[in-house]
């Protein structure tokens, strides 16, 4: 970043000219090169984008009979976001949300809205750390149609407030089998977020979290 005097032959300059952005900070004019927004490029992120693209096309082709069913479902089922607040989703949002999860788990997609509620939240989540690993114990779910969706934020400082937005997906574990061991973890404090996801509807429970220090 360059500090300028009389930028562009003026007392002050703001905005983009060519590949440079001009602005003022604390009374000092400066210029810096323009950079574009960061684009995630991990293998998982690219796969999710490809899945979403296919599902958008599928939504556009499911027909005039099914789209109103999803719109009715959306009107009757506001979603609860990460902060606990209810928000309205469109029928297309719900179709994409359910089927993206199903696609991510390599399960069959659905054309009609779910007729059953989302699975209950994970209970009794207890983490036991080890050398490069965490054993995740929980109350196993009945049947074989629920997966445990596990995300990890870590290693992080004890002073950091864990947030699901900062976590990365680690595994889909069988919901009926406890414990499940995550391996290949770096030493330090990890916070795991877990939820149940239905393998038949793609609906998900609220998140629960727990922390443990990997050696």
N, C-alpha and C. Protein backbone atom coordinates (compact mmCIF):
# COMPACT_ATOMS: atom_id res chain seq x y z
N UNK A 1 0.85 -1.19 0.00
CA UNK A 1 0.00 0.00 0.00
C UNK A 1 0.88 1.24 0.00
N UNK A 2 0.62 2.13 -0.93
CA UNK A 2 1.42 3.35 -1.05
C UNK A 2 0.67 4.53 -0.47
N UNK A 3 1.38 5.38 0.32
CA UNK A 3 0.80 6.62 0.83
C UNK A 3 1.06 7.71 -0.20
N UNK A 4 0.03 8.48 -0.52
CA UNK A 4 0.11 9.44 -1.60
C UNK A 4 -0.03 10.87 -1.11
N UNK A 5 0.55 11.81 -1.88
CA UNK A 5 0.34 13.24 -1.68
C UNK A 5 -0.26 13.80 -2.96
N UNK A 6 -1.42 14.47 -2.81
CA UNK A 6 -2.16 14.98 -3.96
C UNK A 6 -2.39 13.89 -5.02
N UNK A 7 -3.11 12.84 -4.63
CA UNK A 7 -3.33 11.74 -5.57
C UNK A 7 -4.13 12.19 -6.78
N UNK A 8 -3.74 11.72 -7.96
CA UNK A 8 -4.40 12.04 -9.23
C UNK A 8 -4.56 13.55 -9.40
N UNK A 9 -3.55 14.29 -8.96
CA UNK A 9 -3.52 15.76 -9.06
C UNK A 9 -4.77 16.35 -8.41
N UNK A 10 -5.10 15.89 -7.21
CA UNK A 10 -6.25 16.40 -6.46
C UNK A 10 -5.92 16.33 -4.99
N UNK A 11 -6.80 16.90 -4.16
CA UNK A 11 -6.58 16.84 -2.72
C UNK A 11 -6.93 15.49 -2.14
N UNK A 12 -7.81 14.76 -2.82
CA UNK A 12 -8.23 13.45 -2.32
C UNK A 12 -8.80 12.63 -3.46
N UNK A 13 -8.58 11.33 -3.45
CA UNK A 13 -9.11 10.44 -4.48
C UNK A 13 -9.69 9.20 -3.82
N UNK A 14 -10.87 8.78 -4.32
CA UNK A 14 -11.52 7.56 -3.82
C UNK A 14 -12.04 6.78 -5.01
N UNK A 15 -11.94 5.47 -4.93
CA UNK A 15 -12.47 4.64 -6.00
C UNK A 15 -11.38 3.93 -6.77
N UNK A 16 -11.79 3.26 -7.87
CA UNK A 16 -10.88 2.42 -8.65
C UNK A 16 -10.52 3.11 -9.96
N UNK A 17 -9.27 3.11 -10.27
CA UNK A 17 -8.77 3.57 -11.56
C UNK A 17 -7.81 2.51 -12.08
N UNK A 18 -8.19 1.88 -13.20
CA UNK A 18 -7.37 0.79 -13.70
C UNK A 18 -7.29 -0.33 -12.68
N UNK A 19 -6.07 -0.73 -12.34
CA UNK A 19 -5.89 -1.79 -11.36
C UNK A 19 -5.61 -1.31 -9.97
N UNK A 20 -5.84 0.00 -9.70
CA UNK A 20 -5.56 0.56 -8.39
C UNK A 20 -6.83 1.07 -7.74
N UNK A 21 -6.88 0.96 -6.40
CA UNK A 21 -7.98 1.49 -5.60
C UNK A 21 -7.44 2.62 -4.74
N UNK A 22 -8.07 3.78 -4.84
CA UNK A 22 -7.65 4.96 -4.07
C UNK A 22 -8.64 5.18 -2.93
N UNK A 23 -8.11 5.56 -1.75
CA UNK A 23 -8.97 5.85 -0.61
C UNK A 23 -8.19 6.69 0.39
N UNK A 24 -8.85 7.02 1.51
CA UNK A 24 -8.23 7.79 2.58
C UNK A 24 -8.47 7.08 3.89
N UNK A 25 -7.40 6.94 4.69
CA UNK A 25 -7.51 6.30 6.00
C UNK A 25 -6.81 7.17 7.03
N UNK A 26 -7.57 7.61 8.03
CA UNK A 26 -7.05 8.48 9.08
C UNK A 26 -6.36 9.72 8.51
N UNK A 27 -7.01 10.28 7.50
CA UNK A 27 -6.53 11.52 6.92
C UNK A 27 -5.39 11.38 5.94
N UNK A 28 -4.97 10.15 5.64
CA UNK A 28 -3.85 9.95 4.72
C UNK A 28 -4.35 9.22 3.48
N UNK A 29 -4.04 9.76 2.32
CA UNK A 29 -4.43 9.14 1.06
C UNK A 29 -3.52 7.96 0.75
N UNK A 30 -4.10 6.91 0.17
CA UNK A 30 -3.29 5.76 -0.20
C UNK A 30 -3.86 5.11 -1.46
N UNK A 31 -3.06 4.27 -2.06
CA UNK A 31 -3.48 3.49 -3.22
C UNK A 31 -3.00 2.06 -3.03
N UNK A 32 -3.82 1.10 -3.45
CA UNK A 32 -3.41 -0.30 -3.38
C UNK A 32 -3.98 -1.02 -4.60
N UNK A 33 -3.39 -2.14 -4.93
CA UNK A 33 -3.86 -2.90 -6.08
C UNK A 33 -5.21 -3.52 -5.77
N UNK A 34 -6.08 -3.59 -6.78
CA UNK A 34 -7.41 -4.16 -6.61
C UNK A 34 -7.30 -5.68 -6.63
N UNK A 35 -7.92 -6.30 -5.66
CA UNK A 35 -7.93 -7.77 -5.60
C UNK A 35 -9.36 -8.25 -5.66
N UNK A 36 -9.57 -9.38 -6.28
CA UNK A 36 -10.90 -9.96 -6.36
C UNK A 36 -11.21 -10.76 -5.11
N UNK A 37 -12.49 -11.12 -4.90
CA UNK A 37 -12.86 -11.91 -3.73
C UNK A 37 -12.25 -13.30 -3.79
N UNK A 38 -11.90 -13.79 -2.61
CA UNK A 38 -11.30 -15.13 -2.54
C UNK A 38 -12.32 -16.17 -2.97
N UNK A 39 -11.89 -17.13 -3.76
CA UNK A 39 -12.76 -18.20 -4.21
C UNK A 39 -12.28 -19.52 -3.63
N UNK A 40 -13.11 -20.19 -2.80
CA UNK A 40 -12.68 -21.46 -2.22
C UNK A 40 -12.34 -22.47 -3.32
N UNK A 41 -11.31 -23.22 -3.09
CA UNK A 41 -10.87 -24.16 -4.12
C UNK A 41 -10.57 -25.55 -3.55
N UNK A 42 -11.04 -25.86 -2.33
CA UNK A 42 -10.79 -27.20 -1.81
C UNK A 42 -11.63 -28.20 -2.60
N UNK A 43 -11.21 -29.45 -2.57
CA UNK A 43 -11.92 -30.49 -3.32
C UNK A 43 -13.37 -30.58 -2.88
N UNK A 44 -13.60 -30.52 -1.56
CA UNK A 44 -14.98 -30.61 -1.08
C UNK A 44 -15.81 -29.42 -1.56
N UNK A 45 -15.26 -28.22 -1.48
CA UNK A 45 -16.00 -27.04 -1.90
C UNK A 45 -16.35 -27.10 -3.38
N UNK A 46 -15.43 -27.59 -4.19
CA UNK A 46 -15.71 -27.74 -5.61
C UNK A 46 -16.80 -28.79 -5.85
N UNK A 47 -16.77 -29.88 -5.08
CA UNK A 47 -17.80 -30.91 -5.21
C UNK A 47 -19.17 -30.37 -4.82
N UNK A 48 -19.22 -29.60 -3.73
CA UNK A 48 -20.50 -29.04 -3.29
C UNK A 48 -21.05 -28.09 -4.35
N UNK A 49 -20.18 -27.28 -4.94
CA UNK A 49 -20.63 -26.37 -6.00
C UNK A 49 -21.19 -27.14 -7.19
N UNK A 50 -20.51 -28.23 -7.56
CA UNK A 50 -20.99 -29.03 -8.69
C UNK A 50 -22.34 -29.66 -8.37
N UNK A 51 -22.50 -30.16 -7.14
CA UNK A 51 -23.78 -30.73 -6.72
C UNK A 51 -24.89 -29.67 -6.79
N UNK A 52 -24.60 -28.48 -6.28
CA UNK A 52 -25.60 -27.41 -6.26
C UNK A 52 -26.01 -27.03 -7.67
N UNK A 53 -25.05 -26.98 -8.59
CA UNK A 53 -25.37 -26.64 -9.97
C UNK A 53 -26.33 -27.67 -10.57
N UNK A 54 -26.08 -28.95 -10.33
CA UNK A 54 -26.96 -30.01 -10.83
C UNK A 54 -28.35 -29.91 -10.22
N UNK A 55 -28.42 -29.58 -8.93
CA UNK A 55 -29.71 -29.52 -8.26
C UNK A 55 -30.53 -28.31 -8.72
N UNK A 56 -29.87 -27.22 -9.02
CA UNK A 56 -30.59 -26.06 -9.55
C UNK A 56 -31.24 -26.42 -10.88
N UNK A 57 -30.53 -27.15 -11.72
CA UNK A 57 -31.10 -27.60 -12.98
C UNK A 57 -32.26 -28.56 -12.74
N UNK A 58 -32.08 -29.46 -11.76
CA UNK A 58 -33.13 -30.42 -11.45
C UNK A 58 -34.39 -29.71 -10.95
N UNK A 59 -34.20 -28.68 -10.11
CA UNK A 59 -35.35 -27.91 -9.61
C UNK A 59 -36.12 -27.28 -10.76
N UNK A 60 -35.42 -26.78 -11.73
CA UNK A 60 -36.06 -26.11 -12.85
C UNK A 60 -36.83 -27.08 -13.75
N UNK A 61 -36.59 -28.37 -13.55
CA UNK A 61 -37.25 -29.35 -14.41
C UNK A 61 -38.22 -30.27 -13.68
N UNK A 62 -38.46 -30.04 -12.37
CA UNK A 62 -39.31 -31.00 -11.65
C UNK A 62 -40.80 -30.83 -11.97
N UNK A 63 -41.18 -29.71 -12.57
CA UNK A 63 -42.55 -29.60 -13.07
C UNK A 63 -43.47 -28.75 -12.21
N UNK A 64 -44.55 -28.31 -12.85
CA UNK A 64 -45.50 -27.39 -12.22
C UNK A 64 -46.30 -28.04 -11.10
N UNK A 65 -46.34 -29.35 -11.04
CA UNK A 65 -47.09 -30.03 -9.98
C UNK A 65 -46.30 -30.07 -8.67
N UNK A 66 -44.99 -30.31 -8.76
CA UNK A 66 -44.17 -30.49 -7.57
C UNK A 66 -43.70 -29.16 -6.96
N UNK A 67 -43.44 -28.17 -7.78
CA UNK A 67 -42.96 -26.89 -7.25
C UNK A 67 -43.92 -26.28 -6.24
N UNK A 68 -45.25 -26.24 -6.49
CA UNK A 68 -46.16 -25.71 -5.47
C UNK A 68 -46.12 -26.49 -4.16
N UNK A 69 -45.85 -27.80 -4.22
CA UNK A 69 -45.76 -28.59 -2.99
C UNK A 69 -44.58 -28.12 -2.14
N UNK A 70 -43.45 -27.84 -2.79
CA UNK A 70 -42.29 -27.34 -2.06
C UNK A 70 -42.54 -25.93 -1.54
N UNK A 71 -43.25 -25.11 -2.31
CA UNK A 71 -43.57 -23.76 -1.83
C UNK A 71 -44.48 -23.81 -0.62
N UNK A 72 -45.45 -24.73 -0.62
CA UNK A 72 -46.33 -24.90 0.54
C UNK A 72 -45.53 -25.39 1.74
N UNK A 73 -44.61 -26.30 1.51
CA UNK A 73 -43.77 -26.80 2.60
C UNK A 73 -42.95 -25.67 3.21
N UNK A 74 -42.38 -24.83 2.35
CA UNK A 74 -41.57 -23.71 2.83
C UNK A 74 -42.40 -22.74 3.66
N UNK A 75 -43.64 -22.48 3.23
CA UNK A 75 -44.49 -21.55 3.96
C UNK A 75 -44.82 -22.08 5.35
N UNK A 76 -44.90 -23.40 5.49
CA UNK A 76 -45.28 -24.01 6.78
C UNK A 76 -44.09 -24.36 7.65
N UNK A 77 -42.87 -24.24 7.12
CA UNK A 77 -41.69 -24.67 7.87
C UNK A 77 -40.59 -23.62 7.81
N UNK A 78 -40.69 -22.58 8.62
CA UNK A 78 -39.55 -21.63 8.71
C UNK A 78 -38.34 -22.35 9.27
N UNK A 79 -37.18 -21.97 8.79
CA UNK A 79 -35.95 -22.60 9.24
C UNK A 79 -35.38 -21.86 10.43
N UNK A 80 -34.70 -22.57 11.31
CA UNK A 80 -34.02 -21.96 12.44
C UNK A 80 -32.54 -21.86 12.10
N UNK A 81 -32.02 -20.62 12.06
CA UNK A 81 -30.62 -20.45 11.68
C UNK A 81 -29.69 -20.70 12.85
N UNK A 82 -28.39 -20.51 12.64
CA UNK A 82 -27.38 -20.84 13.66
C UNK A 82 -27.54 -20.00 14.92
N UNK A 83 -28.19 -18.81 14.81
CA UNK A 83 -28.37 -17.95 15.98
C UNK A 83 -29.66 -18.26 16.73
N UNK A 84 -30.46 -19.21 16.22
CA UNK A 84 -31.71 -19.57 16.89
C UNK A 84 -32.92 -18.80 16.39
N UNK A 85 -32.73 -17.94 15.39
CA UNK A 85 -33.83 -17.14 14.86
C UNK A 85 -34.49 -17.85 13.68
N UNK A 86 -35.82 -17.70 13.60
CA UNK A 86 -36.57 -18.30 12.49
C UNK A 86 -36.44 -17.43 11.25
N UNK A 87 -36.29 -18.06 10.11
CA UNK A 87 -36.23 -17.32 8.84
C UNK A 87 -36.99 -18.10 7.78
N UNK A 88 -37.57 -17.37 6.84
CA UNK A 88 -38.34 -17.99 5.77
C UNK A 88 -37.43 -18.42 4.63
N UNK A 89 -37.64 -19.64 4.16
CA UNK A 89 -36.96 -20.13 2.97
C UNK A 89 -37.98 -20.30 1.86
N UNK A 90 -37.53 -20.24 0.63
CA UNK A 90 -38.41 -20.51 -0.51
C UNK A 90 -38.49 -22.02 -0.73
N UNK A 91 -39.44 -22.43 -1.57
CA UNK A 91 -39.53 -23.84 -1.91
C UNK A 91 -38.25 -24.34 -2.57
N UNK A 92 -37.66 -23.50 -3.41
CA UNK A 92 -36.39 -23.87 -4.07
C UNK A 92 -35.28 -24.04 -3.04
N UNK A 93 -35.26 -23.15 -2.03
CA UNK A 93 -34.25 -23.26 -0.97
C UNK A 93 -34.35 -24.60 -0.26
N UNK A 94 -35.58 -24.99 0.10
CA UNK A 94 -35.77 -26.25 0.81
C UNK A 94 -35.40 -27.45 -0.08
N UNK A 95 -35.79 -27.40 -1.34
CA UNK A 95 -35.45 -28.48 -2.27
C UNK A 95 -33.93 -28.64 -2.37
N UNK A 96 -33.24 -27.53 -2.52
CA UNK A 96 -31.78 -27.58 -2.64
C UNK A 96 -31.14 -28.02 -1.34
N UNK A 97 -31.64 -27.51 -0.22
CA UNK A 97 -31.04 -27.84 1.07
C UNK A 97 -31.15 -29.33 1.37
N UNK A 98 -32.36 -29.88 1.23
CA UNK A 98 -32.54 -31.31 1.52
C UNK A 98 -31.73 -32.18 0.56
N UNK A 99 -31.80 -31.88 -0.72
CA UNK A 99 -31.15 -32.74 -1.71
C UNK A 99 -29.64 -32.55 -1.75
N UNK A 100 -29.16 -31.37 -1.36
CA UNK A 100 -27.71 -31.20 -1.30
C UNK A 100 -27.12 -32.08 -0.20
N UNK A 101 -27.79 -32.15 0.94
CA UNK A 101 -27.32 -33.02 2.01
C UNK A 101 -27.38 -34.48 1.57
N UNK A 102 -28.49 -34.87 0.93
CA UNK A 102 -28.61 -36.26 0.47
C UNK A 102 -27.54 -36.59 -0.56
N UNK A 103 -27.31 -35.67 -1.48
CA UNK A 103 -26.27 -35.88 -2.50
C UNK A 103 -24.90 -35.98 -1.85
N UNK A 104 -24.63 -35.15 -0.84
CA UNK A 104 -23.35 -35.16 -0.15
C UNK A 104 -23.12 -36.48 0.58
N UNK A 105 -24.21 -37.13 1.01
CA UNK A 105 -24.11 -38.42 1.69
C UNK A 105 -24.21 -39.59 0.71
N UNK A 106 -24.33 -39.27 -0.60
CA UNK A 106 -24.50 -40.29 -1.63
C UNK A 106 -25.77 -41.10 -1.42
N UNK A 107 -26.85 -40.41 -1.04
CA UNK A 107 -28.16 -41.04 -0.86
C UNK A 107 -29.10 -40.64 -2.00
N UNK A 108 -30.22 -41.33 -2.08
CA UNK A 108 -31.20 -41.04 -3.13
C UNK A 108 -31.83 -39.67 -2.91
N UNK A 109 -32.03 -38.93 -4.00
CA UNK A 109 -32.65 -37.62 -3.92
C UNK A 109 -34.16 -37.74 -3.83
N UNK A 110 -34.81 -36.65 -3.41
CA UNK A 110 -36.27 -36.64 -3.29
C UNK A 110 -36.85 -35.57 -4.19
N UNK A 111 -38.02 -35.86 -4.76
CA UNK A 111 -38.74 -34.89 -5.59
C UNK A 111 -39.86 -34.21 -4.84
N UNK A 112 -40.37 -34.84 -3.79
CA UNK A 112 -41.47 -34.29 -3.00
C UNK A 112 -40.97 -33.88 -1.63
N UNK A 113 -41.61 -32.90 -1.00
CA UNK A 113 -41.16 -32.42 0.31
C UNK A 113 -41.27 -33.51 1.38
N UNK A 114 -40.45 -33.41 2.43
CA UNK A 114 -40.51 -34.38 3.52
C UNK A 114 -41.90 -34.42 4.16
N UNK A 115 -42.33 -35.62 4.52
CA UNK A 115 -43.62 -35.79 5.19
C UNK A 115 -43.45 -36.06 6.68
N UNK A 116 -42.21 -36.11 7.15
CA UNK A 116 -41.91 -36.36 8.57
C UNK A 116 -41.00 -35.25 9.07
N UNK A 117 -40.97 -35.02 10.38
CA UNK A 117 -40.11 -33.95 10.92
C UNK A 117 -38.63 -34.32 10.87
N UNK A 118 -37.79 -33.33 11.11
CA UNK A 118 -36.35 -33.54 11.17
C UNK A 118 -36.01 -34.43 12.36
N UNK A 119 -34.89 -35.14 12.31
CA UNK A 119 -34.49 -35.98 13.44
C UNK A 119 -34.15 -35.12 14.66
N UNK A 120 -34.24 -35.71 15.86
CA UNK A 120 -33.90 -34.96 17.07
C UNK A 120 -32.42 -34.69 17.16
N UNK A 121 -32.05 -33.74 18.01
CA UNK A 121 -30.65 -33.37 18.19
C UNK A 121 -29.85 -34.51 18.81
N UNK A 122 -28.57 -34.49 18.56
CA UNK A 122 -27.64 -35.45 19.18
C UNK A 122 -27.64 -35.22 20.68
N UNK A 123 -27.69 -36.30 21.45
CA UNK A 123 -27.66 -36.18 22.91
C UNK A 123 -26.46 -36.91 23.48
N UNK A 124 -26.04 -36.45 24.66
CA UNK A 124 -24.94 -37.06 25.42
C UNK A 124 -23.66 -37.13 24.60
N UNK A 125 -23.32 -36.04 23.90
CA UNK A 125 -22.06 -36.01 23.13
C UNK A 125 -20.89 -35.83 24.09
N UNK A 126 -19.99 -36.81 24.13
CA UNK A 126 -18.82 -36.77 25.00
C UNK A 126 -17.58 -37.06 24.16
N UNK A 127 -16.59 -36.18 24.26
CA UNK A 127 -15.36 -36.32 23.48
C UNK A 127 -14.22 -36.82 24.37
N UNK A 128 -13.51 -37.82 23.89
CA UNK A 128 -12.33 -38.34 24.58
C UNK A 128 -11.14 -38.18 23.65
N UNK A 129 -10.21 -37.25 23.98
CA UNK A 129 -9.08 -36.99 23.08
C UNK A 129 -7.99 -38.04 23.23
N UNK A 130 -7.22 -38.17 22.15
CA UNK A 130 -6.06 -39.05 22.16
C UNK A 130 -4.94 -38.43 21.35
N UNK A 131 -4.01 -39.23 20.93
CA UNK A 131 -2.90 -38.75 20.11
C UNK A 131 -3.38 -38.60 18.66
N UNK A 132 -3.63 -37.37 18.25
CA UNK A 132 -4.11 -37.10 16.89
C UNK A 132 -5.52 -37.56 16.63
N UNK A 133 -6.30 -37.77 17.68
CA UNK A 133 -7.65 -38.30 17.47
C UNK A 133 -8.61 -37.84 18.57
N UNK A 134 -9.90 -37.97 18.27
CA UNK A 134 -10.95 -37.72 19.26
C UNK A 134 -12.00 -38.82 19.09
N UNK A 135 -12.33 -39.48 20.19
CA UNK A 135 -13.41 -40.46 20.19
C UNK A 135 -14.70 -39.75 20.57
N UNK A 136 -15.69 -39.83 19.70
CA UNK A 136 -16.97 -39.13 19.89
C UNK A 136 -18.03 -40.14 20.33
N UNK A 137 -18.41 -40.08 21.60
CA UNK A 137 -19.46 -40.94 22.11
C UNK A 137 -20.76 -40.15 22.18
N UNK A 138 -21.89 -40.82 21.92
CA UNK A 138 -23.19 -40.16 21.90
C UNK A 138 -24.28 -41.21 22.05
N UNK A 139 -25.48 -40.77 22.32
CA UNK A 139 -26.61 -41.70 22.37
C UNK A 139 -26.93 -42.15 20.95
N UNK A 140 -26.76 -43.43 20.68
CA UNK A 140 -26.99 -43.94 19.33
C UNK A 140 -28.45 -43.79 18.95
N UNK A 141 -28.69 -43.51 17.67
CA UNK A 141 -30.06 -43.38 17.17
C UNK A 141 -30.63 -44.73 16.83
N UNK A 142 -31.94 -44.84 16.89
CA UNK A 142 -32.59 -46.09 16.52
C UNK A 142 -32.65 -46.23 15.01
N UNK A 143 -32.57 -47.48 14.51
CA UNK A 143 -32.63 -47.71 13.08
C UNK A 143 -31.33 -47.37 12.39
N UNK A 144 -31.37 -47.34 11.06
CA UNK A 144 -30.16 -47.11 10.28
C UNK A 144 -30.32 -45.98 9.27
N UNK A 145 -31.27 -45.09 9.50
CA UNK A 145 -31.56 -44.06 8.50
C UNK A 145 -31.10 -42.67 8.93
N UNK A 146 -30.22 -42.60 9.93
CA UNK A 146 -29.72 -41.30 10.40
C UNK A 146 -28.20 -41.32 10.42
N UNK A 147 -27.61 -40.27 9.88
CA UNK A 147 -26.15 -40.10 9.92
C UNK A 147 -25.79 -39.00 10.91
N UNK A 148 -24.63 -39.14 11.51
CA UNK A 148 -24.08 -38.10 12.38
C UNK A 148 -23.14 -37.24 11.54
N UNK A 149 -23.48 -35.98 11.38
CA UNK A 149 -22.71 -35.03 10.58
C UNK A 149 -21.77 -34.30 11.53
N UNK A 150 -20.45 -34.47 11.33
CA UNK A 150 -19.45 -33.95 12.27
C UNK A 150 -18.57 -32.91 11.58
N UNK A 151 -18.45 -31.74 12.22
CA UNK A 151 -17.60 -30.66 11.74
C UNK A 151 -16.61 -30.29 12.84
N UNK A 152 -15.44 -29.81 12.44
CA UNK A 152 -14.37 -29.52 13.39
C UNK A 152 -13.83 -28.11 13.20
N UNK A 153 -13.72 -27.39 14.31
CA UNK A 153 -12.99 -26.12 14.33
C UNK A 153 -11.77 -26.32 15.21
N UNK A 154 -10.61 -26.33 14.59
CA UNK A 154 -9.43 -26.54 15.40
C UNK A 154 -8.22 -26.95 14.57
N UNK A 155 -7.06 -26.91 15.22
CA UNK A 155 -6.91 -26.44 16.61
C UNK A 155 -7.08 -24.93 16.69
N UNK A 156 -7.64 -24.49 17.83
CA UNK A 156 -7.86 -23.06 18.02
C UNK A 156 -7.48 -22.65 19.44
N UNK A 157 -7.30 -21.35 19.62
CA UNK A 157 -6.93 -20.82 20.93
C UNK A 157 -8.09 -20.96 21.90
N UNK A 158 -7.80 -21.18 23.19
CA UNK A 158 -8.87 -21.25 24.20
C UNK A 158 -9.70 -19.97 24.27
N UNK A 159 -9.14 -18.86 23.83
CA UNK A 159 -9.86 -17.60 23.88
C UNK A 159 -10.79 -17.38 22.70
N UNK A 160 -10.76 -18.27 21.71
CA UNK A 160 -11.61 -18.13 20.52
C UNK A 160 -13.00 -18.69 20.81
N UNK A 161 -14.04 -17.92 20.42
CA UNK A 161 -15.41 -18.40 20.55
C UNK A 161 -15.73 -19.31 19.37
N UNK A 162 -15.94 -20.61 19.62
CA UNK A 162 -16.19 -21.52 18.50
C UNK A 162 -17.48 -21.17 17.76
N UNK A 163 -17.45 -21.26 16.43
CA UNK A 163 -18.62 -21.00 15.60
C UNK A 163 -18.66 -22.01 14.47
N UNK A 164 -19.87 -22.48 14.15
CA UNK A 164 -20.01 -23.46 13.09
C UNK A 164 -19.54 -22.90 11.76
N UNK A 165 -19.64 -21.58 11.58
CA UNK A 165 -19.21 -20.97 10.32
C UNK A 165 -17.71 -21.12 10.10
N UNK A 166 -16.95 -21.35 11.16
CA UNK A 166 -15.50 -21.49 11.04
C UNK A 166 -15.06 -22.95 11.01
N UNK A 167 -16.00 -23.86 11.15
CA UNK A 167 -15.67 -25.28 11.21
C UNK A 167 -15.62 -25.88 9.81
N UNK A 168 -14.96 -27.03 9.70
CA UNK A 168 -14.86 -27.75 8.44
C UNK A 168 -15.47 -29.14 8.61
N UNK A 169 -16.11 -29.58 7.55
CA UNK A 169 -16.74 -30.90 7.59
C UNK A 169 -15.68 -31.99 7.73
N UNK A 170 -15.95 -32.94 8.63
CA UNK A 170 -14.99 -34.02 8.85
C UNK A 170 -15.52 -35.39 8.44
N UNK A 171 -16.81 -35.67 8.76
CA UNK A 171 -17.29 -37.02 8.47
C UNK A 171 -18.80 -37.11 8.60
N UNK A 172 -19.37 -38.09 7.88
CA UNK A 172 -20.72 -38.58 8.14
C UNK A 172 -20.54 -39.94 8.82
N UNK A 173 -20.95 -40.04 10.06
CA UNK A 173 -20.79 -41.28 10.80
C UNK A 173 -22.15 -41.95 10.97
N UNK A 174 -22.18 -43.29 11.05
CA UNK A 174 -23.45 -43.97 11.29
C UNK A 174 -24.07 -43.54 12.62
N UNK A 175 -25.28 -43.06 12.57
CA UNK A 175 -25.91 -42.56 13.80
C UNK A 175 -26.21 -43.64 14.81
N UNK A 176 -26.27 -44.90 14.34
CA UNK A 176 -26.61 -46.00 15.25
C UNK A 176 -25.39 -46.62 15.90
N UNK A 177 -24.20 -46.13 15.58
CA UNK A 177 -22.97 -46.73 16.11
C UNK A 177 -22.17 -45.70 16.91
N UNK A 178 -21.98 -45.95 18.19
CA UNK A 178 -21.22 -45.06 19.07
C UNK A 178 -20.19 -45.89 19.83
N UNK A 179 -18.95 -45.39 19.99
CA UNK A 179 -18.44 -44.08 19.57
C UNK A 179 -17.93 -44.11 18.13
N UNK A 180 -17.63 -42.90 17.63
CA UNK A 180 -16.99 -42.75 16.32
C UNK A 180 -15.69 -42.01 16.54
N UNK A 181 -14.60 -42.50 15.93
CA UNK A 181 -13.27 -41.93 16.17
C UNK A 181 -12.84 -41.09 14.97
N UNK A 182 -12.54 -39.82 15.24
CA UNK A 182 -11.93 -38.95 14.24
C UNK A 182 -10.42 -39.02 14.40
N UNK A 183 -9.70 -39.25 13.32
CA UNK A 183 -8.25 -39.35 13.39
C UNK A 183 -7.60 -38.32 12.47
N UNK A 184 -6.28 -38.24 12.54
CA UNK A 184 -5.54 -37.31 11.70
C UNK A 184 -5.70 -35.86 12.13
N UNK A 185 -5.96 -35.61 13.41
CA UNK A 185 -6.16 -34.26 13.90
C UNK A 185 -4.85 -33.68 14.43
N UNK A 186 -4.64 -32.40 14.21
CA UNK A 186 -3.45 -31.73 14.72
C UNK A 186 -3.57 -31.52 16.23
N UNK A 187 -2.47 -31.53 16.95
CA UNK A 187 -2.53 -31.29 18.40
C UNK A 187 -3.11 -29.92 18.71
N UNK A 188 -3.84 -29.84 19.82
CA UNK A 188 -4.41 -28.57 20.26
C UNK A 188 -5.88 -28.72 20.58
N UNK A 189 -6.50 -27.59 20.91
CA UNK A 189 -7.91 -27.57 21.29
C UNK A 189 -8.80 -27.63 20.05
N UNK A 190 -9.72 -28.57 20.04
CA UNK A 190 -10.68 -28.73 18.94
C UNK A 190 -12.10 -28.62 19.49
N UNK A 191 -12.96 -27.95 18.73
CA UNK A 191 -14.39 -27.94 19.04
C UNK A 191 -15.11 -28.65 17.91
N UNK A 192 -15.84 -29.70 18.27
CA UNK A 192 -16.61 -30.46 17.29
C UNK A 192 -18.07 -30.05 17.35
N UNK A 193 -18.66 -29.90 16.18
CA UNK A 193 -20.09 -29.64 16.04
C UNK A 193 -20.72 -30.88 15.43
N UNK A 194 -21.85 -31.31 15.96
CA UNK A 194 -22.49 -32.53 15.46
C UNK A 194 -24.00 -32.33 15.36
N UNK A 195 -24.58 -32.98 14.37
CA UNK A 195 -26.04 -32.96 14.20
C UNK A 195 -26.46 -34.26 13.53
N UNK A 196 -27.73 -34.61 13.68
CA UNK A 196 -28.29 -35.74 12.97
C UNK A 196 -28.83 -35.27 11.62
N UNK A 197 -28.61 -36.05 10.58
CA UNK A 197 -29.18 -35.78 9.26
C UNK A 197 -29.91 -37.03 8.78
N UNK A 198 -31.17 -36.86 8.38
CA UNK A 198 -31.94 -37.98 7.86
C UNK A 198 -31.40 -38.40 6.50
N UNK A 199 -31.19 -39.70 6.33
CA UNK A 199 -30.69 -40.22 5.06
C UNK A 199 -31.80 -40.40 4.03
N UNK A 200 -33.04 -40.16 4.45
CA UNK A 200 -34.17 -40.31 3.52
C UNK A 200 -34.80 -38.98 3.12
N UNK A 201 -34.68 -37.94 3.99
CA UNK A 201 -35.28 -36.65 3.67
C UNK A 201 -34.26 -35.52 3.54
N UNK A 202 -33.07 -35.70 4.11
CA UNK A 202 -32.08 -34.63 4.11
C UNK A 202 -32.31 -33.59 5.18
N UNK A 203 -33.34 -33.75 6.00
CA UNK A 203 -33.58 -32.81 7.09
C UNK A 203 -32.54 -33.02 8.19
N UNK A 204 -32.19 -31.93 8.87
CA UNK A 204 -31.14 -32.00 9.89
C UNK A 204 -31.62 -31.45 11.22
N UNK A 205 -31.05 -31.96 12.28
CA UNK A 205 -31.35 -31.49 13.63
C UNK A 205 -30.55 -30.23 13.95
N UNK A 206 -30.84 -29.57 15.07
CA UNK A 206 -29.95 -28.47 15.52
C UNK A 206 -28.56 -28.99 15.85
N UNK A 207 -27.59 -28.07 15.86
CA UNK A 207 -26.21 -28.45 16.18
C UNK A 207 -26.02 -28.57 17.69
N UNK A 208 -25.14 -29.46 18.09
CA UNK A 208 -24.60 -29.49 19.45
C UNK A 208 -23.08 -29.44 19.31
N UNK A 209 -22.39 -29.01 20.37
CA UNK A 209 -20.94 -28.94 20.26
C UNK A 209 -20.29 -29.35 21.56
N UNK A 210 -19.03 -29.75 21.44
CA UNK A 210 -18.22 -30.11 22.60
C UNK A 210 -16.75 -29.91 22.21
N UNK A 211 -15.89 -29.73 23.21
CA UNK A 211 -14.48 -29.44 22.95
C UNK A 211 -13.58 -30.46 23.64
N UNK A 212 -12.39 -30.66 23.06
CA UNK A 212 -11.40 -31.55 23.65
C UNK A 212 -10.03 -31.16 23.12
N UNK A 213 -8.98 -31.47 23.89
CA UNK A 213 -7.62 -31.12 23.51
C UNK A 213 -6.88 -32.35 23.01
N UNK A 214 -6.51 -32.33 21.75
CA UNK A 214 -5.79 -33.44 21.12
C UNK A 214 -4.32 -33.34 21.46
N UNK A 215 -3.71 -34.48 21.76
CA UNK A 215 -2.27 -34.50 22.08
C UNK A 215 -1.47 -34.87 20.85
